[in-house]
Amino acid sequence: MDARYKVKCYGSATVGERGQVVLPVEIRKLFGIKPGDKLIVMGVDKGFQSVSLMKSEAVTKMFEHMLDFEKTMKEGGKNLEKLQKEGLEGIQKLKESGIEGLGKKPNGKMKK
């Protein structure tokens, strides 16, 4: 995992009769979550189930960053297909240079 991202368990929360959850005080203080703040609820169901909360302002900032990135890519003449092709070409060059085990787990199977 990228060292820039900090993953930590901040405690647990119990879902009440009405579906309400109380967030642990440490996480509320850390992220400045106050009564009345709007949180976006997201979920992932792909081999495991995960529920995530995000402050609505953070979602706006995330999309602004994505649009800025897209603009930068277009200005540089890049798109997703071009990046993928360049990445695959780079992997092929590394393989041709004699680097063994690229893209493989220690058991010899390919990483997904």
N, C-alpha and C. Protein backbone atom coordinates (compact mmCIF):
# COMPACT_ATOMS: atom_id res chain seq x y z
N MET A 1 0.84 -1.18 0.00
CA MET A 1 0.00 0.00 0.00
C MET A 1 0.89 1.24 0.00
N ASP A 2 0.44 2.25 -0.67
CA ASP A 2 1.16 3.52 -0.75
C ASP A 2 1.30 4.12 0.64
N ALA A 3 2.50 4.52 1.00
CA ALA A 3 2.78 5.05 2.33
C ALA A 3 2.06 6.36 2.60
N ARG A 4 1.56 7.02 1.56
CA ARG A 4 0.84 8.29 1.77
C ARG A 4 -0.52 8.07 2.41
N TYR A 5 -1.03 6.86 2.35
CA TYR A 5 -2.35 6.57 2.87
C TYR A 5 -2.26 5.87 4.20
N LYS A 6 -2.98 6.38 5.18
CA LYS A 6 -2.95 5.82 6.52
C LYS A 6 -4.25 5.04 6.74
N VAL A 7 -4.13 3.77 7.02
CA VAL A 7 -5.29 2.94 7.30
C VAL A 7 -5.22 2.56 8.77
N LYS A 8 -6.28 2.81 9.47
CA LYS A 8 -6.31 2.54 10.90
C LYS A 8 -7.73 2.21 11.32
N CYS A 9 -7.88 1.32 12.28
CA CYS A 9 -9.18 1.02 12.86
C CYS A 9 -9.43 2.04 13.96
N TYR A 10 -10.55 2.73 13.89
CA TYR A 10 -10.88 3.76 14.87
C TYR A 10 -11.92 3.30 15.88
N GLY A 11 -12.18 2.02 15.95
CA GLY A 11 -13.17 1.50 16.88
C GLY A 11 -14.30 0.83 16.14
N SER A 12 -15.39 0.66 16.82
CA SER A 12 -16.55 0.03 16.18
C SER A 12 -17.79 0.86 16.45
N ALA A 13 -18.82 0.56 15.70
CA ALA A 13 -20.10 1.24 15.86
C ALA A 13 -21.20 0.20 15.72
N THR A 14 -22.26 0.38 16.46
CA THR A 14 -23.39 -0.55 16.41
C THR A 14 -24.54 0.12 15.68
N VAL A 15 -25.17 -0.63 14.81
CA VAL A 15 -26.33 -0.12 14.09
C VAL A 15 -27.55 -0.26 15.01
N GLY A 16 -28.23 0.85 15.25
CA GLY A 16 -29.40 0.85 16.12
C GLY A 16 -30.66 0.41 15.38
N GLU A 17 -31.75 0.36 16.10
CA GLU A 17 -33.04 -0.08 15.57
C GLU A 17 -33.46 0.70 14.31
N ARG A 18 -33.16 1.98 14.28
CA ARG A 18 -33.56 2.83 13.15
C ARG A 18 -32.46 2.96 12.11
N GLY A 19 -31.43 2.11 12.19
CA GLY A 19 -30.34 2.15 11.21
C GLY A 19 -29.31 3.21 11.49
N GLN A 20 -29.38 3.84 12.64
CA GLN A 20 -28.44 4.90 12.99
C GLN A 20 -27.14 4.31 13.54
N VAL A 21 -26.06 5.00 13.24
CA VAL A 21 -24.73 4.58 13.69
C VAL A 21 -24.06 5.79 14.35
N VAL A 22 -23.42 5.58 15.49
CA VAL A 22 -22.66 6.63 16.15
C VAL A 22 -21.19 6.41 15.81
N LEU A 23 -20.57 7.41 15.21
CA LEU A 23 -19.16 7.31 14.84
C LEU A 23 -18.29 7.54 16.08
N PRO A 24 -17.20 6.78 16.21
CA PRO A 24 -16.30 6.99 17.35
C PRO A 24 -15.77 8.42 17.39
N VAL A 25 -15.61 8.95 18.59
CA VAL A 25 -15.20 10.34 18.77
C VAL A 25 -13.86 10.64 18.08
N GLU A 26 -12.91 9.69 18.12
CA GLU A 26 -11.60 9.92 17.51
C GLU A 26 -11.73 10.22 16.02
N ILE A 27 -12.56 9.47 15.31
CA ILE A 27 -12.71 9.68 13.86
C ILE A 27 -13.45 10.99 13.58
N ARG A 28 -14.41 11.33 14.44
CA ARG A 28 -15.13 12.60 14.26
C ARG A 28 -14.19 13.78 14.43
N LYS A 29 -13.32 13.72 15.45
CA LYS A 29 -12.36 14.80 15.67
C LYS A 29 -11.34 14.88 14.54
N LEU A 30 -10.79 13.72 14.14
CA LEU A 30 -9.77 13.68 13.11
C LEU A 30 -10.25 14.28 11.79
N PHE A 31 -11.49 13.98 11.42
CA PHE A 31 -12.02 14.45 10.13
C PHE A 31 -12.96 15.64 10.27
N GLY A 32 -13.06 16.19 11.47
CA GLY A 32 -13.88 17.39 11.67
C GLY A 32 -15.35 17.15 11.37
N ILE A 33 -15.85 15.99 11.73
CA ILE A 33 -17.27 15.67 11.48
C ILE A 33 -18.08 16.19 12.66
N LYS A 34 -19.04 17.06 12.34
CA LYS A 34 -19.86 17.70 13.37
C LYS A 34 -21.34 17.38 13.15
N PRO A 35 -22.15 17.53 14.19
CA PRO A 35 -23.59 17.29 14.03
C PRO A 35 -24.14 18.13 12.87
N GLY A 36 -24.93 17.50 12.04
CA GLY A 36 -25.52 18.19 10.88
C GLY A 36 -24.72 18.04 9.60
N ASP A 37 -23.46 17.59 9.68
CA ASP A 37 -22.67 17.38 8.46
C ASP A 37 -23.32 16.30 7.61
N LYS A 38 -23.24 16.46 6.30
CA LYS A 38 -23.77 15.48 5.36
C LYS A 38 -22.65 14.53 4.96
N LEU A 39 -22.93 13.23 5.06
CA LEU A 39 -21.97 12.20 4.66
C LEU A 39 -22.55 11.41 3.51
N ILE A 40 -21.73 11.09 2.55
CA ILE A 40 -22.10 10.25 1.43
C ILE A 40 -21.81 8.81 1.83
N VAL A 41 -22.76 7.91 1.61
CA VAL A 41 -22.61 6.51 1.98
C VAL A 41 -22.38 5.71 0.69
N MET A 42 -21.26 4.98 0.66
CA MET A 42 -20.92 4.17 -0.51
C MET A 42 -20.68 2.74 -0.07
N GLY A 43 -20.87 1.81 -0.97
CA GLY A 43 -20.63 0.42 -0.64
C GLY A 43 -19.94 -0.32 -1.76
N VAL A 44 -19.20 -1.36 -1.39
CA VAL A 44 -18.52 -2.23 -2.34
C VAL A 44 -18.95 -3.65 -2.03
N ASP A 45 -19.32 -4.40 -3.05
CA ASP A 45 -19.68 -5.81 -2.87
C ASP A 45 -18.98 -6.60 -3.96
N LYS A 46 -17.68 -6.85 -3.75
CA LYS A 46 -16.89 -7.57 -4.74
C LYS A 46 -15.93 -8.50 -4.01
N GLY A 47 -16.41 -9.65 -3.63
CA GLY A 47 -15.60 -10.59 -2.89
C GLY A 47 -15.60 -10.31 -1.39
N PHE A 48 -15.93 -9.11 -1.02
CA PHE A 48 -16.10 -8.71 0.38
C PHE A 48 -17.08 -7.55 0.37
N GLN A 49 -17.69 -7.29 1.49
CA GLN A 49 -18.62 -6.17 1.57
C GLN A 49 -18.02 -5.07 2.42
N SER A 50 -18.08 -3.85 1.92
CA SER A 50 -17.50 -2.72 2.62
C SER A 50 -18.43 -1.52 2.50
N VAL A 51 -18.57 -0.79 3.59
CA VAL A 51 -19.36 0.44 3.61
C VAL A 51 -18.40 1.58 3.93
N SER A 52 -18.47 2.65 3.16
CA SER A 52 -17.59 3.80 3.38
C SER A 52 -18.43 5.06 3.52
N LEU A 53 -17.94 5.98 4.32
CA LEU A 53 -18.57 7.29 4.49
C LEU A 53 -17.60 8.35 4.02
N MET A 54 -18.13 9.39 3.37
CA MET A 54 -17.30 10.50 2.91
C MET A 54 -18.06 11.79 3.11
N LYS A 55 -17.36 12.82 3.60
CA LYS A 55 -18.03 14.11 3.72
C LYS A 55 -18.38 14.59 2.31
N SER A 56 -19.57 15.20 2.20
CA SER A 56 -20.02 15.61 0.86
C SER A 56 -19.04 16.57 0.20
N GLU A 57 -18.39 17.44 0.99
CA GLU A 57 -17.41 18.37 0.42
C GLU A 57 -16.22 17.61 -0.17
N ALA A 58 -15.86 16.49 0.46
CA ALA A 58 -14.73 15.69 -0.03
C ALA A 58 -15.06 15.05 -1.37
N VAL A 59 -16.32 14.66 -1.56
CA VAL A 59 -16.74 14.08 -2.84
C VAL A 59 -16.59 15.13 -3.94
N THR A 60 -17.00 16.35 -3.64
CA THR A 60 -16.87 17.43 -4.61
C THR A 60 -15.40 17.64 -4.98
N LYS A 61 -14.52 17.68 -3.98
CA LYS A 61 -13.08 17.87 -4.23
C LYS A 61 -12.52 16.71 -5.05
N MET A 62 -12.98 15.49 -4.75
CA MET A 62 -12.49 14.32 -5.47
C MET A 62 -12.83 14.44 -6.97
N PHE A 63 -14.06 14.85 -7.27
CA PHE A 63 -14.43 15.00 -8.68
C PHE A 63 -13.68 16.15 -9.34
N GLU A 64 -13.42 17.22 -8.61
CA GLU A 64 -12.63 18.32 -9.16
C GLU A 64 -11.23 17.84 -9.53
N HIS A 65 -10.62 17.03 -8.65
CA HIS A 65 -9.29 16.48 -8.93
C HIS A 65 -9.33 15.56 -10.15
N MET A 66 -10.38 14.76 -10.25
CA MET A 66 -10.50 13.86 -11.40
C MET A 66 -10.62 14.65 -12.70
N LEU A 67 -11.40 15.72 -12.68
CA LEU A 67 -11.56 16.54 -13.88
C LEU A 67 -10.26 17.26 -14.23
N ASP A 68 -9.53 17.73 -13.21
CA ASP A 68 -8.22 18.35 -13.45
C ASP A 68 -7.25 17.35 -14.07
N PHE A 69 -7.25 16.13 -13.56
CA PHE A 69 -6.38 15.08 -14.08
C PHE A 69 -6.74 14.78 -15.54
N GLU A 70 -8.04 14.68 -15.82
CA GLU A 70 -8.49 14.41 -17.19
C GLU A 70 -8.03 15.53 -18.13
N LYS A 71 -8.15 16.77 -17.68
CA LYS A 71 -7.74 17.92 -18.49
C LYS A 71 -6.23 17.87 -18.76
N THR A 72 -5.45 17.57 -17.72
CA THR A 72 -4.00 17.46 -17.86
C THR A 72 -3.63 16.36 -18.85
N MET A 73 -4.32 15.22 -18.75
CA MET A 73 -4.06 14.11 -19.66
C MET A 73 -4.35 14.50 -21.11
N LYS A 74 -5.49 15.15 -21.31
CA LYS A 74 -5.86 15.55 -22.68
C LYS A 74 -4.88 16.56 -23.24
N GLU A 75 -4.45 17.51 -22.41
CA GLU A 75 -3.48 18.51 -22.86
C GLU A 75 -2.16 17.86 -23.24
N GLY A 76 -1.82 16.76 -22.59
CA GLY A 76 -0.60 16.03 -22.89
C GLY A 76 -0.78 14.99 -23.99
N GLY A 77 -1.97 14.96 -24.60
CA GLY A 77 -2.23 14.01 -25.68
C GLY A 77 -2.38 12.58 -25.20
N LYS A 78 -2.78 12.40 -23.95
CA LYS A 78 -2.92 11.06 -23.39
C LYS A 78 -4.40 10.73 -23.18
N ASN A 79 -4.70 9.45 -23.24
CA ASN A 79 -5.99 8.95 -22.84
C ASN A 79 -5.76 7.59 -22.19
N LEU A 80 -6.80 7.00 -21.65
CA LEU A 80 -6.64 5.75 -20.92
C LEU A 80 -6.07 4.64 -21.79
N GLU A 81 -6.54 4.55 -23.02
CA GLU A 81 -6.05 3.50 -23.92
C GLU A 81 -4.57 3.67 -24.21
N LYS A 82 -4.14 4.93 -24.41
CA LYS A 82 -2.74 5.21 -24.69
C LYS A 82 -1.86 4.87 -23.48
N LEU A 83 -2.33 5.22 -22.27
CA LEU A 83 -1.58 4.89 -21.06
C LEU A 83 -1.46 3.39 -20.87
N GLN A 84 -2.55 2.68 -21.14
CA GLN A 84 -2.52 1.22 -21.00
C GLN A 84 -1.53 0.61 -21.98
N LYS A 85 -1.55 1.10 -23.23
CA LYS A 85 -0.64 0.58 -24.25
C LYS A 85 0.81 0.85 -23.84
N GLU A 86 1.09 2.07 -23.37
CA GLU A 86 2.45 2.41 -22.94
C GLU A 86 2.89 1.54 -21.77
N GLY A 87 1.97 1.29 -20.84
CA GLY A 87 2.29 0.43 -19.70
C GLY A 87 2.62 -0.99 -20.13
N LEU A 88 1.82 -1.54 -21.04
CA LEU A 88 2.07 -2.89 -21.53
C LEU A 88 3.38 -2.97 -22.31
N GLU A 89 3.67 -1.93 -23.09
CA GLU A 89 4.94 -1.89 -23.82
C GLU A 89 6.12 -1.84 -22.85
N GLY A 90 5.97 -1.08 -21.76
CA GLY A 90 7.02 -1.00 -20.76
C GLY A 90 7.27 -2.34 -20.08
N ILE A 91 6.20 -3.06 -19.78
CA ILE A 91 6.33 -4.38 -19.17
C ILE A 91 7.03 -5.33 -20.13
N GLN A 92 6.66 -5.27 -21.40
CA GLN A 92 7.29 -6.14 -22.40
C GLN A 92 8.78 -5.85 -22.50
N LYS A 93 9.15 -4.57 -22.48
CA LYS A 93 10.58 -4.20 -22.55
C LYS A 93 11.34 -4.73 -21.34
N LEU A 94 10.72 -4.66 -20.17
CA LEU A 94 11.37 -5.20 -18.97
C LEU A 94 11.56 -6.71 -19.08
N LYS A 95 10.55 -7.39 -19.58
CA LYS A 95 10.66 -8.85 -19.75
C LYS A 95 11.77 -9.19 -20.74
N GLU A 96 11.83 -8.42 -21.84
CA GLU A 96 12.84 -8.67 -22.86
C GLU A 96 14.25 -8.38 -22.33
N SER A 97 14.35 -7.51 -21.33
CA SER A 97 15.66 -7.18 -20.78
C SER A 97 16.18 -8.26 -19.84
N GLY A 98 15.36 -9.29 -19.61
CA GLY A 98 15.83 -10.42 -18.81
C GLY A 98 15.38 -10.42 -17.37
N ILE A 99 14.51 -9.51 -16.99
CA ILE A 99 14.00 -9.51 -15.62
C ILE A 99 13.02 -10.67 -15.49
N GLU A 100 13.34 -11.60 -14.59
CA GLU A 100 12.49 -12.78 -14.39
C GLU A 100 11.47 -12.52 -13.29
N GLY A 101 10.34 -13.18 -13.40
CA GLY A 101 9.34 -13.15 -12.34
C GLY A 101 8.47 -11.92 -12.33
N LEU A 102 8.58 -11.06 -13.35
CA LEU A 102 7.79 -9.85 -13.40
C LEU A 102 6.31 -10.21 -13.46
N GLY A 103 5.54 -9.66 -12.56
CA GLY A 103 4.11 -9.90 -12.56
C GLY A 103 3.71 -11.22 -11.96
N LYS A 104 4.63 -11.89 -11.27
CA LYS A 104 4.32 -13.19 -10.68
C LYS A 104 4.44 -13.13 -9.17
N LYS A 105 3.61 -13.93 -8.52
CA LYS A 105 3.70 -14.08 -7.07
C LYS A 105 4.83 -15.06 -6.78
N PRO A 106 5.28 -15.16 -5.53
CA PRO A 106 6.37 -16.09 -5.20
C PRO A 106 6.08 -17.53 -5.58
N ASN A 107 4.80 -17.93 -5.66
CA ASN A 107 4.47 -19.31 -6.03
C ASN A 107 4.51 -19.54 -7.54
N GLY A 108 4.87 -18.50 -8.31
CA GLY A 108 5.00 -18.64 -9.75
C GLY A 108 3.75 -18.32 -10.54
N LYS A 109 2.63 -18.09 -9.86
CA LYS A 109 1.39 -17.77 -10.55
C LYS A 109 1.33 -16.30 -10.86
N MET A 110 0.62 -15.96 -11.92
CA MET A 110 0.49 -14.56 -12.31
C MET A 110 -0.38 -13.79 -11.33
N LYS A 111 0.00 -12.54 -11.05
CA LYS A 111 -0.83 -11.67 -10.24
C LYS A 111 -2.02 -11.22 -11.04
N LYS A 112 -3.11 -10.99 -10.37
CA LYS A 112 -4.32 -10.49 -11.06
C LYS A 112 -4.35 -9.00 -11.05
